[in-house]
Each structure stands twice: as structure tokens, then as C-alpha cells.
């Protein structure tokens, strides 16, 4: 019988407690403060990620450009692009014409259909230097959003 099996057996018999300050399922003792801190840290990180993207959405919907949003939020433009990519893929931004020219979107969509949406480099290689990585990322997010709703 292995260590985990013995611990599982002890749990079944009520010999091991999983509450903070007691032995965990793996036999380690945690202080209550450590357990609480870990839980708070995880909740905060998850919450702040969603809130920060929604703050970016709010500024974008107010008509601010990427550079303005980045400056106001004291973040890198690349971070803002990442937020927008997420928001587009989730369907919170439907029209990306202010971000990527409609004709470029059509060509990026065609390239994605030809080489796939999994990786950016094959799309970029297919399109060439007339298309920025950001245009490709945002349009790919739109492609995924549209494909996900079919």
C-alpha cells in the first residue's frame, strides 16, 4: 500500500482532517494563516484579471485609442491588445473595424481558413509584412468568436 493510499484510508476513517491548521490529504500541516492567504490570493488574482479587462473595455467603448488606454491605465500597449483579444473572443466587442481595416480582416480570415487558427506564425508567414501581429491576433480572436457561435 502506497503513501497516498494510506492517507486516503486514514481520511476514510476520520484520522486526517483537511481543514486549515490540520493535516492535509498529503500529510502536511498548514497554519491557518497560510491557508487563508492562499485562498485570498487566488480569488484576488482571478477577480482582478476580469476587472482589468472590463476597465479596458470601458475605455475602448468610450472611443479611446490603444495608446491612450495604455497611457491612462499605465500599462503596455501589448497588454491592452491582449485584453482586447480576450474581449473580442468572448463576444464583448463585436465590431473590430476600428481596430483592423475590414479588407485586412477579410484577407486574415482567408489565411486562417487556409493555414488554421492554432498558431500565429503560419498566418503571419502567409500574409507577409503588410499585416501586423496585433491585426492578426485581433482578427483571429474575431474568427474564433464567430466560429464558436456556429
Foldseek 3Di string as FASTA:
>chain_A
DDQLVVLVVCVVVVNFDCQQQTAHSNGDHHHNVVVVVVVVVVVVVVVVVVVVLVLLVVVVVVPDDLVVSCVVVVHDSVVSLVSLLVCLLVPVDQDCCVPEPPVVLVLLLVLCVVPNLPDQVSSCVVVDDVDDSSNNSNSSSNVNNVVVVD
